[in-house]
Amino acid sequence: VQLSLGLNVVMLSESYGNDSKGIYGPGLRVDFNLGRSFIVAPEVSAGIGGWSAGGTLNFRSKKFFLGAGYLAASLGGSWDDWGINSLFKVHAGAKGRNWLLALSYVTNRWLRGFGLAAGYIF
């Protein structure tokens, strides 16, 4: 089990419009290493613009990993804003002994965007 704390950025835009929003803030991720090749990774992030929570199942090969999963994101604070959205997430990244870096693509029927996570592994 590995715990990482870092900075997460999620940027989303409407698929059929011009509106875009983002979340910037600290993130927490827990890696449950299942053998040498698989990682189950729940994560949570909150900060400017809202919060996100989700998890991924990842395949790992040495320092690199590739995975897919689910992300729930709440963007905006009023009822007329985007509210809570369920998103499909694919991501790729690398992790060393004490660091983690991942780039992700998130999408659903109405939204699409990307994410970046950089963290320190305890």
PDB file of N, CA and C in Angstrom:
ATOM      1  N   VAL A   1       0.849  -1.175   0.000  1.00  0.00           N
ATOM      2  CA  VAL A   1       0.000   0.000   0.000  1.00  0.00           C
ATOM      3  C   VAL A   1       0.892   1.234   0.000  1.00  0.00           C
ATOM      4  N   GLN A   2       0.589   2.175  -0.904  1.00  0.00           N
ATOM      5  CA  GLN A   2       1.336   3.425  -0.988  1.00  0.00           C
ATOM      6  C   GLN A   2       0.368   4.595  -0.941  1.00  0.00           C
ATOM      7  N   LEU A   3       0.721   5.620  -0.209  1.00  0.00           N
ATOM      8  CA  LEU A   3      -0.077   6.827  -0.072  1.00  0.00           C
ATOM      9  C   LEU A   3       0.663   7.967  -0.750  1.00  0.00           C
ATOM     10  N   SER A   4      -0.029   8.728  -1.601  1.00  0.00           N
ATOM     11  CA  SER A   4       0.608   9.884  -2.229  1.00  0.00           C
ATOM     12  C   SER A   4      -0.252  11.128  -2.019  1.00  0.00           C
ATOM     13  N   LEU A   5       0.411  12.225  -1.802  1.00  0.00           N
ATOM     14  CA  LEU A   5      -0.230  13.518  -1.618  1.00  0.00           C
ATOM     15  C   LEU A   5       0.389  14.471  -2.624  1.00  0.00           C
ATOM     16  N   GLY A   6      -0.449  15.205  -3.337  1.00  0.00           N
ATOM     17  CA  GLY A   6       0.109  16.082  -4.359  1.00  0.00           C
ATOM     18  C   GLY A   6      -0.871  17.107  -4.849  1.00  0.00           C
ATOM     19  N   LEU A   7      -0.636  17.588  -6.047  1.00  0.00           N
ATOM     20  CA  LEU A   7      -1.450  18.605  -6.694  1.00  0.00           C
ATOM     21  C   LEU A   7      -2.198  17.966  -7.856  1.00  0.00           C
ATOM     22  N   ASN A   8      -3.517  18.163  -7.903  1.00  0.00           N
ATOM     23  CA  ASN A   8      -4.343  17.666  -9.001  1.00  0.00           C
ATOM     24  C   ASN A   8      -4.980  18.830  -9.731  1.00  0.00           C
ATOM     25  N   VAL A   9      -5.053  18.723 -11.038  1.00  0.00           N
ATOM     26  CA  VAL A   9      -5.722  19.702 -11.888  1.00  0.00           C
ATOM     27  C   VAL A   9      -6.653  18.922 -12.809  1.00  0.00           C
ATOM     28  N   VAL A  10      -7.920  19.308 -12.862  1.00  0.00           N
ATOM     29  CA  VAL A  10      -8.885  18.716 -13.781  1.00  0.00           C
ATOM     30  C   VAL A  10      -9.541  19.862 -14.539  1.00  0.00           C
ATOM     31  N   MET A  11      -9.455  19.843 -15.854  1.00  0.00           N
ATOM     32  CA  MET A  11     -10.073  20.868 -16.713  1.00  0.00           C
ATOM     33  C   MET A  11     -11.126  20.185 -17.581  1.00  0.00           C
ATOM     34  N   LEU A  12     -12.350  20.707 -17.554  1.00  0.00           N
ATOM     35  CA  LEU A  12     -13.456  20.143 -18.325  1.00  0.00           C
ATOM     36  C   LEU A  12     -14.102  21.214 -19.191  1.00  0.00           C
ATOM     37  N   SER A  13     -14.593  20.808 -20.344  1.00  0.00           N
ATOM     38  CA  SER A  13     -15.356  21.708 -21.205  1.00  0.00           C
ATOM     39  C   SER A  13     -16.575  20.964 -21.723  1.00  0.00           C
ATOM     40  N   GLU A  14     -17.599  21.720 -22.069  1.00  0.00           N
ATOM     41  CA  GLU A  14     -18.810  21.125 -22.611  1.00  0.00           C
ATOM     42  C   GLU A  14     -18.540  20.589 -24.012  1.00  0.00           C
ATOM     43  N   SER A  15     -19.092  19.414 -24.310  1.00  0.00           N
ATOM     44  CA  SER A  15     -18.908  18.822 -25.637  1.00  0.00           C
ATOM     45  C   SER A  15     -19.614  19.623 -26.718  1.00  0.00           C
ATOM     46  N   TYR A  16     -20.755  20.255 -26.379  1.00  0.00           N
ATOM     47  CA  TYR A  16     -21.559  20.959 -27.384  1.00  0.00           C
ATOM     48  C   TYR A  16     -21.678  22.445 -27.089  1.00  0.00           C
ATOM     49  N   GLY A  17     -20.760  22.990 -26.314  1.00  0.00           N
ATOM     50  CA  GLY A  17     -20.830  24.407 -25.978  1.00  0.00           C
ATOM     51  C   GLY A  17     -19.446  24.986 -25.772  1.00  0.00           C
ATOM     52  N   ASN A  18     -19.415  26.186 -25.234  1.00  0.00           N
ATOM     53  CA  ASN A  18     -18.145  26.876 -25.047  1.00  0.00           C
ATOM     54  C   ASN A  18     -17.762  27.038 -23.587  1.00  0.00           C
ATOM     55  N   ASP A  19     -18.567  26.538 -22.665  1.00  0.00           N
ATOM     56  CA  ASP A  19     -18.302  26.713 -21.245  1.00  0.00           C
ATOM     57  C   ASP A  19     -17.236  25.725 -20.776  1.00  0.00           C
ATOM     58  N   SER A  20     -16.346  26.178 -19.913  1.00  0.00           N
ATOM     59  CA  SER A  20     -15.326  25.289 -19.347  1.00  0.00           C
ATOM     60  C   SER A  20     -15.109  25.646 -17.885  1.00  0.00           C
ATOM     61  N   LYS A  21     -14.699  24.634 -17.110  1.00  0.00           N
ATOM     62  CA  LYS A  21     -14.453  24.803 -15.682  1.00  0.00           C
ATOM     63  C   LYS A  21     -13.285  23.926 -15.284  1.00  0.00           C
ATOM     64  N   GLY A  22     -12.720  24.223 -14.118  1.00  0.00           N
ATOM     65  CA  GLY A  22     -11.591  23.434 -13.643  1.00  0.00           C
ATOM     66  C   GLY A  22     -11.572  23.298 -12.141  1.00  0.00           C
ATOM     67  N   ILE A  23     -10.828  22.312 -11.689  1.00  0.00           N
ATOM     68  CA  ILE A  23     -10.575  22.090 -10.269  1.00  0.00           C
ATOM     69  C   ILE A  23      -9.061  22.110 -10.087  1.00  0.00           C
ATOM     70  N   TYR A  24      -8.592  22.897  -9.149  1.00  0.00           N
ATOM     71  CA  TYR A  24      -7.167  22.987  -8.843  1.00  0.00           C
ATOM     72  C   TYR A  24      -7.003  22.822  -7.341  1.00  0.00           C
ATOM     73  N   GLY A  25      -6.202  21.858  -6.914  1.00  0.00           N
ATOM     74  CA  GLY A  25      -6.017  21.723  -5.478  1.00  0.00           C
ATOM     75  C   GLY A  25      -5.281  20.467  -5.088  1.00  0.00           C
ATOM     76  N   PRO A  26      -5.160  20.262  -3.792  1.00  0.00           N
ATOM     77  CA  PRO A  26      -4.444  19.086  -3.301  1.00  0.00           C
ATOM     78  C   PRO A  26      -5.240  17.815  -3.552  1.00  0.00           C
ATOM     79  N   GLY A  27      -4.515  16.736  -3.753  1.00  0.00           N
ATOM     80  CA  GLY A  27      -5.138  15.446  -3.992  1.00  0.00           C
ATOM     81  C   GLY A  27      -4.489  14.358  -3.155  1.00  0.00           C
ATOM     82  N   LEU A  28      -5.269  13.362  -2.824  1.00  0.00           N
ATOM     83  CA  LEU A  28      -4.806  12.216  -2.054  1.00  0.00           C
ATOM     84  C   LEU A  28      -5.125  10.965  -2.846  1.00  0.00           C
ATOM     85  N   ARG A  29      -4.146  10.071  -2.978  1.00  0.00           N
ATOM     86  CA  ARG A  29      -4.308   8.823  -3.719  1.00  0.00           C
ATOM     87  C   ARG A  29      -3.710   7.700  -2.901  1.00  0.00           C
ATOM     88  N   VAL A  30      -4.391   6.557  -2.889  1.00  0.00           N
ATOM     89  CA  VAL A  30      -3.889   5.367  -2.211  1.00  0.00           C
ATOM     90  C   VAL A  30      -3.727   4.272  -3.258  1.00  0.00           C
ATOM     91  N   ASP A  31      -2.526   3.729  -3.389  1.00  0.00           N
ATOM     92  CA  ASP A  31      -2.263   2.636  -4.325  1.00  0.00           C
ATOM     93  C   ASP A  31      -2.238   1.318  -3.582  1.00  0.00           C
ATOM     94  N   PHE A  32      -3.152   0.436  -3.962  1.00  0.00           N
ATOM     95  CA  PHE A  32      -3.136  -0.931  -3.452  1.00  0.00           C
ATOM     96  C   PHE A  32      -2.477  -1.777  -4.527  1.00  0.00           C
ATOM     97  N   ASN A  33      -1.216  -2.130  -4.313  1.00  0.00           N
ATOM     98  CA  ASN A  33      -0.452  -2.903  -5.282  1.00  0.00           C
ATOM     99  C   ASN A  33      -0.855  -4.373  -5.183  1.00  0.00           C
ATOM    100  N   LEU A  34      -1.399  -4.901  -6.281  1.00  0.00           N
ATOM    101  CA  LEU A  34      -1.816  -6.297  -6.352  1.00  0.00           C
ATOM    102  C   LEU A  34      -0.786  -7.065  -7.169  1.00  0.00           C
ATOM    103  N   GLY A  35       0.218  -7.591  -6.506  1.00  0.00           N
ATOM    104  CA  GLY A  35       1.317  -8.239  -7.215  1.00  0.00           C
ATOM    105  C   GLY A  35       2.217  -7.205  -7.860  1.00  0.00           C
ATOM    106  N   ARG A  36       2.932  -7.617  -8.882  1.00  0.00           N
ATOM    107  CA  ARG A  36       3.855  -6.709  -9.574  1.00  0.00           C
ATOM    108  C   ARG A  36       3.215  -5.922 -10.703  1.00  0.00           C
ATOM    109  N   SER A  37       2.032  -6.358 -11.164  1.00  0.00           N
ATOM    110  CA  SER A  37       1.494  -5.775 -12.393  1.00  0.00           C
ATOM    111  C   SER A  37       0.227  -4.950 -12.248  1.00  0.00           C
ATOM    112  N   PHE A  38      -0.491  -5.029 -11.139  1.00  0.00           N
ATOM    113  CA  PHE A  38      -1.766  -4.333 -11.044  1.00  0.00           C
ATOM    114  C   PHE A  38      -1.822  -3.421  -9.825  1.00  0.00           C
ATOM    115  N   ILE A  39      -2.535  -2.293  -9.999  1.00  0.00           N
ATOM    116  CA  ILE A  39      -2.735  -1.313  -8.930  1.00  0.00           C
ATOM    117  C   ILE A  39      -4.213  -0.921  -8.929  1.00  0.00           C
ATOM    118  N   VAL A  40      -4.846  -0.951  -7.775  1.00  0.00           N
ATOM    119  CA  VAL A  40      -6.167  -0.367  -7.580  1.00  0.00           C
ATOM    120  C   VAL A  40      -5.937   0.939  -6.833  1.00  0.00           C
ATOM    121  N   ALA A  41      -6.417   2.046  -7.399  1.00  0.00           N
ATOM    122  CA  ALA A  41      -6.066   3.359  -6.859  1.00  0.00           C
ATOM    123  C   ALA A  41      -7.283   4.260  -6.666  1.00  0.00           C
ATOM    124  N   PRO A  42      -7.861   4.309  -5.454  1.00  0.00           N
ATOM    125  CA  PRO A  42      -8.873   5.320  -5.168  1.00  0.00           C
ATOM    126  C   PRO A  42      -8.206   6.677  -4.941  1.00  0.00           C
ATOM    127  N   GLU A  43      -8.924   7.745  -5.263  1.00  0.00           N
ATOM    128  CA  GLU A  43      -8.350   9.082  -5.143  1.00  0.00           C
ATOM    129  C   GLU A  43      -9.421  10.105  -4.798  1.00  0.00           C
ATOM    130  N   VAL A  44      -9.008  11.202  -4.198  1.00  0.00           N
ATOM    131  CA  VAL A  44      -9.902  12.309  -3.887  1.00  0.00           C
ATOM    132  C   VAL A  44      -9.112  13.608  -4.005  1.00  0.00           C
ATOM    133  N   SER A  45      -9.789  14.666  -4.474  1.00  0.00           N
ATOM    134  CA  SER A  45      -9.151  15.961  -4.637  1.00  0.00           C
ATOM    135  C   SER A  45     -10.191  17.048  -4.370  1.00  0.00           C
ATOM    136  N   ALA A  46      -9.764  18.124  -3.747  1.00  0.00           N
ATOM    137  CA  ALA A  46     -10.661  19.252  -3.502  1.00  0.00           C
ATOM    138  C   ALA A  46      -9.851  20.537  -3.564  1.00  0.00           C
ATOM    139  N   GLY A  47     -10.499  21.589  -3.997  1.00  0.00           N
ATOM    140  CA  GLY A  47      -9.777  22.854  -4.074  1.00  0.00           C
ATOM    141  C   GLY A  47     -10.599  23.911  -4.751  1.00  0.00           C
ATOM    142  N   ILE A  48      -9.924  24.810  -5.422  1.00  0.00           N
ATOM    143  CA  ILE A  48     -10.581  25.903  -6.128  1.00  0.00           C
ATOM    144  C   ILE A  48     -11.395  25.313  -7.277  1.00  0.00           C
ATOM    145  N   GLY A  49     -12.672  25.592  -7.320  1.00  0.00           N
ATOM    146  CA  GLY A  49     -13.518  25.135  -8.408  1.00  0.00           C
ATOM    147  C   GLY A  49     -14.372  23.922  -8.103  1.00  0.00           C
ATOM    148  N   GLY A  50     -14.131  23.203  -7.006  1.00  0.00           N
ATOM    149  CA  GLY A  50     -14.950  22.040  -6.690  1.00  0.00           C
ATOM    150  C   GLY A  50     -14.149  20.903  -6.089  1.00  0.00           C
ATOM    151  N   TRP A  51     -14.621  19.681  -6.319  1.00  0.00           N
ATOM    152  CA  TRP A  51     -13.953  18.487  -5.799  1.00  0.00           C
ATOM    153  C   TRP A  51     -14.119  17.347  -6.791  1.00  0.00           C
ATOM    154  N   SER A  52     -13.294  16.319  -6.650  1.00  0.00           N
ATOM    155  CA  SER A  52     -13.419  15.109  -7.456  1.00  0.00           C
ATOM    156  C   SER A  52     -13.047  13.905  -6.602  1.00  0.00           C
ATOM    157  N   ALA A  53     -13.619  12.764  -6.937  1.00  0.00           N
ATOM    158  CA  ALA A  53     -13.321  11.510  -6.253  1.00  0.00           C
ATOM    159  C   ALA A  53     -13.554  10.376  -7.231  1.00  0.00           C
ATOM    160  N   GLY A  54     -12.763   9.329  -7.118  1.00  0.00           N
ATOM    161  CA  GLY A  54     -12.930   8.199  -8.017  1.00  0.00           C
ATOM    162  C   GLY A  54     -11.883   7.142  -7.779  1.00  0.00           C
ATOM    163  N   GLY A  55     -11.690   6.325  -8.782  1.00  0.00           N
ATOM    164  CA  GLY A  55     -10.704   5.266  -8.676  1.00  0.00           C
ATOM    165  C   GLY A  55     -10.404   4.667 -10.032  1.00  0.00           C
ATOM    166  N   THR A  56      -9.254   4.003 -10.119  1.00  0.00           N
ATOM    167  CA  THR A  56      -8.828   3.370 -11.365  1.00  0.00           C
ATOM    168  C   THR A  56      -8.236   1.998 -11.093  1.00  0.00           C
ATOM    169  N   LEU A  57      -8.284   1.152 -12.101  1.00  0.00           N
ATOM    170  CA  LEU A  57      -7.572  -0.121 -12.117  1.00  0.00           C
ATOM    171  C   LEU A  57      -6.451   0.054 -13.127  1.00  0.00           C
ATOM    172  N   ASN A  58      -5.214  -0.190 -12.696  1.00  0.00           N
ATOM    173  CA  ASN A  58      -4.041   0.112 -13.515  1.00  0.00           C
ATOM    174  C   ASN A  58      -3.184  -1.121 -13.753  1.00  0.00           C
ATOM    175  N   PHE A  59      -2.591  -1.166 -14.935  1.00  0.00           N
ATOM    176  CA  PHE A  59      -1.572  -2.156 -15.263  1.00  0.00           C
ATOM    177  C   PHE A  59      -0.228  -1.454 -15.173  1.00  0.00           C
ATOM    178  N   ARG A  60       0.715  -2.050 -14.459  1.00  0.00           N
ATOM    179  CA  ARG A  60       2.023  -1.436 -14.252  1.00  0.00           C
ATOM    180  C   ARG A  60       3.112  -2.279 -14.899  1.00  0.00           C
ATOM    181  N   SER A  61       4.059  -1.598 -15.532  1.00  0.00           N
ATOM    182  CA  SER A  61       5.257  -2.220 -16.090  1.00  0.00           C
ATOM    183  C   SER A  61       6.443  -1.358 -15.678  1.00  0.00           C
ATOM    184  N   LYS A  62       7.187  -1.835 -14.711  1.00  0.00           N
ATOM    185  CA  LYS A  62       8.303  -1.102 -14.111  1.00  0.00           C
ATOM    186  C   LYS A  62       7.817   0.225 -13.554  1.00  0.00           C
ATOM    187  N   LYS A  63       8.278   1.356 -14.059  1.00  0.00           N
ATOM    188  CA  LYS A  63       7.880   2.667 -13.531  1.00  0.00           C
ATOM    189  C   LYS A  63       6.615   3.216 -14.173  1.00  0.00           C
ATOM    190  N   PHE A  64       6.147   2.642 -15.258  1.00  0.00           N
ATOM    191  CA  PHE A  64       5.030   3.196 -16.007  1.00  0.00           C
ATOM    192  C   PHE A  64       3.734   2.444 -15.714  1.00  0.00           C
ATOM    193  N   PHE A  65       2.605   3.164 -15.785  1.00  0.00           N
ATOM    194  CA  PHE A  65       1.317   2.522 -15.592  1.00  0.00           C
ATOM    195  C   PHE A  65       0.285   3.099 -16.552  1.00  0.00           C
ATOM    196  N   LEU A  66      -0.735   2.312 -16.833  1.00  0.00           N
ATOM    197  CA  LEU A  66      -1.834   2.678 -17.712  1.00  0.00           C
ATOM    198  C   LEU A  66      -3.098   2.120 -17.090  1.00  0.00           C
ATOM    199  N   GLY A  67      -4.154   2.932 -17.003  1.00  0.00           N
ATOM    200  CA  GLY A  67      -5.360   2.460 -16.344  1.00  0.00           C
ATOM    201  C   GLY A  67      -6.614   3.162 -16.800  1.00  0.00           C
ATOM    202  N   ALA A  68      -7.740   2.653 -16.294  1.00  0.00           N
ATOM    203  CA  ALA A  68      -9.046   3.220 -16.594  1.00  0.00           C
ATOM    204  C   ALA A  68      -9.922   3.096 -15.360  1.00  0.00           C
ATOM    205  N   GLY A  69     -10.909   3.972 -15.270  1.00  0.00           N
ATOM    206  CA  GLY A  69     -11.803   3.923 -14.130  1.00  0.00           C
ATOM    207  C   GLY A  69     -12.882   4.985 -14.209  1.00  0.00           C
ATOM    208  N   TYR A  70     -13.254   5.484 -13.047  1.00  0.00           N
ATOM    209  CA  TYR A  70     -14.404   6.358 -12.878  1.00  0.00           C
ATOM    210  C   TYR A  70     -13.981   7.588 -12.078  1.00  0.00           C
ATOM    211  N   LEU A  71     -14.572   8.719 -12.399  1.00  0.00           N
ATOM    212  CA  LEU A  71     -14.328   9.950 -11.653  1.00  0.00           C
ATOM    213  C   LEU A  71     -15.651  10.686 -11.487  1.00  0.00           C
ATOM    214  N   ALA A  72     -15.956  11.084 -10.272  1.00  0.00           N
ATOM    215  CA  ALA A  72     -17.105  11.955 -10.004  1.00  0.00           C
ATOM    216  C   ALA A  72     -16.533  13.335  -9.724  1.00  0.00           C
ATOM    217  N   ALA A  73     -17.069  14.342 -10.369  1.00  0.00           N
ATOM    218  CA  ALA A  73     -16.564  15.707 -10.197  1.00  0.00           C
ATOM    219  C   ALA A  73     -17.724  16.658  -9.942  1.00  0.00           C
ATOM    220  N   SER A  74     -17.557  17.519  -8.960  1.00  0.00           N
ATOM    221  CA  SER A  74     -18.534  18.561  -8.657  1.00  0.00           C
ATOM    222  C   SER A  74     -17.888  19.894  -8.986  1.00  0.00           C
ATOM    223  N   LEU A  75     -18.462  20.587  -9.934  1.00  0.00           N
ATOM    224  CA  LEU A  75     -17.907  21.851 -10.407  1.00  0.00           C
ATOM    225  C   LEU A  75     -18.909  22.961 -10.192  1.00  0.00           C
ATOM    226  N   GLY A  76     -18.542  23.953  -9.441  1.00  0.00           N
ATOM    227  CA  GLY A  76     -19.431  25.081  -9.200  1.00  0.00           C
ATOM    228  C   GLY A  76     -20.211  24.899  -7.923  1.00  0.00           C
ATOM    229  N   GLY A  77     -20.673  26.007  -7.356  1.00  0.00           N
ATOM    230  CA  GLY A  77     -21.310  25.956  -6.068  1.00  0.00           C
ATOM    231  C   GLY A  77     -22.800  26.196  -6.048  1.00  0.00           C
ATOM    232  N   SER A  78     -23.402  26.547  -7.167  1.00  0.00           N
ATOM    233  CA  SER A  78     -24.839  26.818  -7.142  1.00  0.00           C
ATOM    234  C   SER A  78     -25.590  25.769  -7.949  1.00  0.00           C
ATOM    235  N   TRP A  79     -26.894  25.695  -7.749  1.00  0.00           N
ATOM    236  CA  TRP A  79     -27.707  24.672  -8.408  1.00  0.00           C
ATOM    237  C   TRP A  79     -27.754  24.851  -9.919  1.00  0.00           C
ATOM    238  N   ASP A  80     -27.557  26.041 -10.424  1.00  0.00           N
ATOM    239  CA  ASP A  80     -27.617  26.229 -11.862  1.00  0.00           C
ATOM    240  C   ASP A  80     -26.274  25.951 -12.542  1.00  0.00           C
ATOM    241  N   ASP A  81     -25.244  25.624 -11.772  1.00  0.00           N
ATOM    242  CA  ASP A  81     -23.965  25.236 -12.363  1.00  0.00           C
ATOM    243  C   ASP A  81     -24.000  23.769 -12.781  1.00  0.00           C
ATOM    244  N   TRP A  82     -22.890  23.193 -13.102  1.00  0.00           N
ATOM    245  CA  TRP A  82     -22.826  21.854 -13.674  1.00  0.00           C
ATOM    246  C   TRP A  82     -23.206  20.760 -12.693  1.00  0.00           C
ATOM    247  N   GLY A  83     -23.100  20.994 -11.403  1.00  0.00           N
ATOM    248  CA  GLY A  83     -23.445  19.966 -10.425  1.00  0.00           C
ATOM    249  C   GLY A  83     -22.429  18.834 -10.393  1.00  0.00           C
ATOM    250  N   ILE A  84     -22.859  17.642  -9.964  1.00  0.00           N
ATOM    251  CA  ILE A  84     -21.972  16.474  -9.888  1.00  0.00           C
ATOM    252  C   ILE A  84     -22.077  15.694 -11.193  1.00  0.00           C
ATOM    253  N   ASN A  85     -20.931  15.363 -11.764  1.00  0.00           N
ATOM    254  CA  ASN A  85     -20.881  14.648 -13.034  1.00  0.00           C
ATOM    255  C   ASN A  85     -20.111  13.346 -12.890  1.00  0.00           C
ATOM    256  N   SER A  86     -20.599  12.315 -13.545  1.00  0.00           N
ATOM    257  CA  SER A  86     -19.952  11.014 -13.586  1.00  0.00           C
ATOM    258  C   SER A  86     -19.158  10.925 -14.883  1.00  0.00           C
ATOM    259  N   LEU A  87     -17.855  10.623 -14.774  1.00  0.00           N
ATOM    260  CA  LEU A  87     -16.971  10.648 -15.940  1.00  0.00           C
ATOM    261  C   LEU A  87     -16.170   9.353 -16.055  1.00  0.00           C
ATOM    262  N   PHE A  88     -15.953   8.892 -17.276  1.00  0.00           N
ATOM    263  CA  PHE A  88     -15.044   7.787 -17.556  1.00  0.00           C
ATOM    264  C   PHE A  88     -13.640   8.368 -17.626  1.00  0.00           C
ATOM    265  N   LYS A  89     -12.676   7.673 -17.038  1.00  0.00           N
ATOM    266  CA  LYS A  89     -11.309   8.193 -16.968  1.00  0.00           C
ATOM    267  C   LYS A  89     -10.320   7.156 -17.496  1.00  0.00           C
ATOM    268  N   VAL A  90      -9.415   7.580 -18.359  1.00  0.00           N
ATOM    269  CA  VAL A  90      -8.257   6.781 -18.742  1.00  0.00           C
ATOM    270  C   VAL A  90      -7.027   7.617 -18.424  1.00  0.00           C
ATOM    271  N   HIS A  91      -5.987   6.969 -17.931  1.00  0.00           N
ATOM    272  CA  HIS A  91      -4.785   7.737 -17.619  1.00  0.00           C
ATOM    273  C   HIS A  91      -3.538   6.890 -17.781  1.00  0.00           C
ATOM    274  N   ALA A  92      -2.429   7.604 -17.908  1.00  0.00           N
ATOM    275  CA  ALA A  92      -1.103   6.989 -18.026  1.00  0.00           C
ATOM    276  C   ALA A  92      -0.153   7.824 -17.194  1.00  0.00           C
ATOM    277  N   GLY A  93       0.852   7.163 -16.669  1.00  0.00           N
ATOM    278  CA  GLY A  93       1.795   7.904 -15.855  1.00  0.00           C
ATOM    279  C   GLY A  93       3.007   7.093 -15.495  1.00  0.00           C
ATOM    280  N   ALA A  94       3.778   7.676 -14.614  1.00  0.00           N
ATOM    281  CA  ALA A  94       4.993   7.031 -14.127  1.00  0.00           C
ATOM    282  C   ALA A  94       5.111   7.300 -12.643  1.00  0.00           C
ATOM    283  N   LYS A  95       5.703   6.356 -11.932  1.00  0.00           N
ATOM    284  CA  LYS A  95       5.955   6.575 -10.519  1.00  0.00           C
ATOM    285  C   LYS A  95       7.288   5.971 -10.144  1.00  0.00           C
ATOM    286  N   GLY A  96       7.998   6.736  -9.333  1.00  0.00           N
ATOM    287  CA  GLY A  96       9.286   6.297  -8.822  1.00  0.00           C
ATOM    288  C   GLY A  96       9.161   5.936  -7.359  1.00  0.00           C
ATOM    289  N   ARG A  97      10.257   5.930  -6.689  1.00  0.00           N
ATOM    290  CA  ARG A  97      10.243   5.553  -5.280  1.00  0.00           C
ATOM    291  C   ARG A  97       9.451   6.552  -4.431  1.00  0.00           C
ATOM    292  N   ASN A  98       9.596   7.847  -4.705  1.00  0.00           N
ATOM    293  CA  ASN A  98       8.921   8.876  -3.909  1.00  0.00           C
ATOM    294  C   ASN A  98       8.146   9.896  -4.732  1.00  0.00           C
ATOM    295  N   TRP A  99       7.829   9.606  -5.986  1.00  0.00           N
ATOM    296  CA  TRP A  99       7.109  10.561  -6.806  1.00  0.00           C
ATOM    297  C   TRP A  99       6.118   9.852  -7.726  1.00  0.00           C
ATOM    298  N   LEU A 100       5.123  10.619  -8.175  1.00  0.00           N
ATOM    299  CA  LEU A 100       4.085  10.118  -9.065  1.00  0.00           C
ATOM    300  C   LEU A 100       3.708  11.230 -10.029  1.00  0.00           C
ATOM    301  N   LEU A 101       3.546  10.911 -11.294  1.00  0.00           N
ATOM    302  CA  LEU A 101       3.111  11.862 -12.306  1.00  0.00           C
ATOM    303  C   LEU A 101       2.147  11.143 -13.239  1.00  0.00           C
ATOM    304  N   ALA A 102       0.951  11.698 -13.441  1.00  0.00           N
ATOM    305  CA  ALA A 102      -0.055  11.054 -14.291  1.00  0.00           C
ATOM    306  C   ALA A 102      -0.810  12.089 -15.106  1.00  0.00           C
ATOM    307  N   LEU A 103      -1.141  11.727 -16.340  1.00  0.00           N
ATOM    308  CA  LEU A 103      -1.941  12.537 -17.241  1.00  0.00           C
ATOM    309  C   LEU A 103      -3.189  11.735 -17.583  1.00  0.00           C
ATOM    310  N   SER A 104      -4.363  12.357 -17.519  1.00  0.00           N
ATOM    311  CA  SER A 104      -5.601  11.614 -17.750  1.00  0.00           C
ATOM    312  C   SER A 104      -6.514  12.329 -18.745  1.00  0.00           C
ATOM    313  N   TYR A 105      -7.399  11.539 -19.333  1.00  0.00           N
ATOM    314  CA  TYR A 105      -8.466  12.046 -20.196  1.00  0.00           C
ATOM    315  C   TYR A 105      -9.780  11.590 -19.568  1.00  0.00           C
ATOM    316  N   VAL A 106     -10.714  12.511 -19.388  1.00  0.00           N
ATOM    317  CA  VAL A 106     -12.009  12.198 -18.787  1.00  0.00           C
ATOM    318  C   VAL A 106     -13.119  12.631 -19.733  1.00  0.00           C
ATOM    319  N   THR A 107     -14.209  11.845 -19.759  1.00  0.00           N
ATOM    320  CA  THR A 107     -15.294  12.168 -20.678  1.00  0.00           C
ATOM    321  C   THR A 107     -16.610  11.543 -20.222  1.00  0.00           C
ATOM    322  N   ASN A 108     -17.688  12.138 -20.638  1.00  0.00           N
ATOM    323  CA  ASN A 108     -19.009  11.538 -20.609  1.00  0.00           C
ATOM    324  C   ASN A 108     -19.763  12.093 -21.809  1.00  0.00           C
ATOM    325  N   ARG A 109     -21.061  11.956 -21.835  1.00  0.00           N
ATOM    326  CA  ARG A 109     -21.830  12.389 -23.000  1.00  0.00           C
ATOM    327  C   ARG A 109     -21.783  13.901 -23.216  1.00  0.00           C
ATOM    328  N   TRP A 110     -21.678  14.674 -22.128  1.00  0.00           N
ATOM    329  CA  TRP A 110     -21.771  16.128 -22.219  1.00  0.00           C
ATOM    330  C   TRP A 110     -20.458  16.861 -21.983  1.00  0.00           C
ATOM    331  N   LEU A 111     -19.507  16.218 -21.325  1.00  0.00           N
ATOM    332  CA  LEU A 111     -18.258  16.875 -20.956  1.00  0.00           C
ATOM    333  C   LEU A 111     -17.056  16.078 -21.417  1.00  0.00           C
ATOM    334  N   ARG A 112     -15.950  16.773 -21.573  1.00  0.00           N
ATOM    335  CA  ARG A 112     -14.673  16.106 -21.846  1.00  0.00           C
ATOM    336  C   ARG A 112     -13.560  17.002 -21.311  1.00  0.00           C
ATOM    337  N   GLY A 113     -12.431  16.401 -21.027  1.00  0.00           N
ATOM    338  CA  GLY A 113     -11.336  17.199 -20.513  1.00  0.00           C
ATOM    339  C   GLY A 113     -10.126  16.369 -20.174  1.00  0.00           C
ATOM    340  N   PHE A 114      -9.226  16.968 -19.416  1.00  0.00           N
ATOM    341  CA  PHE A 114      -7.996  16.293 -19.059  1.00  0.00           C
ATOM    342  C   PHE A 114      -7.657  16.587 -17.608  1.00  0.00           C
ATOM    343  N   GLY A 115      -6.761  15.792 -17.084  1.00  0.00           N
ATOM    344  CA  GLY A 115      -6.298  15.987 -15.723  1.00  0.00           C
ATOM    345  C   GLY A 115      -4.810  15.760 -15.631  1.00  0.00           C
ATOM    346  N   LEU A 116      -4.225  16.338 -14.620  1.00  0.00           N
ATOM    347  CA  LEU A 116      -2.799  16.180 -14.350  1.00  0.00           C
ATOM    348  C   LEU A 116      -2.649  16.001 -12.852  1.00  0.00           C
ATOM    349  N   ALA A 117      -1.874  15.005 -12.468  1.00  0.00           N
ATOM    350  CA  ALA A 117      -1.617  14.768 -11.047  1.00  0.00           C
ATOM    351  C   ALA A 117      -0.110  14.616 -10.850  1.00  0.00           C
ATOM    352  N   ALA A 118       0.403  15.313  -9.860  1.00  0.00           N
ATOM    353  CA  ALA A 118       1.808  15.198  -9.482  1.00  0.00           C
ATOM    354  C   ALA A 118       1.835  15.051  -7.965  1.00  0.00           C
ATOM    355  N   GLY A 119       2.517  14.018  -7.478  1.00  0.00           N
ATOM    356  CA  GLY A 119       2.472  13.790  -6.049  1.00  0.00           C
ATOM    357  C   GLY A 119       3.745  13.222  -5.463  1.00  0.00           C
ATOM    358  N   TYR A 120       3.805  13.289  -4.146  1.00  0.00           N
ATOM    359  CA  TYR A 120       4.883  12.724  -3.365  1.00  0.00           C
ATOM    360  C   TYR A 120       4.359  11.446  -2.709  1.00  0.00           C
ATOM    361  N   ILE A 121       5.072  10.342  -2.858  1.00  0.00           N
ATOM    362  CA  ILE A 121       4.676   9.056  -2.291  1.00  0.00           C
ATOM    363  C   ILE A 121       5.352   8.875  -0.944  1.00  0.00           C
ATOM    364  N   PHE A 122       4.548   8.576   0.070  1.00  0.00           N
ATOM    365  CA  PHE A 122       5.080   8.342   1.417  1.00  0.00           C
ATOM    366  C   PHE A 122       5.495   6.898   1.574  1.00  0.00           C
TER     367      PHE A 122
END
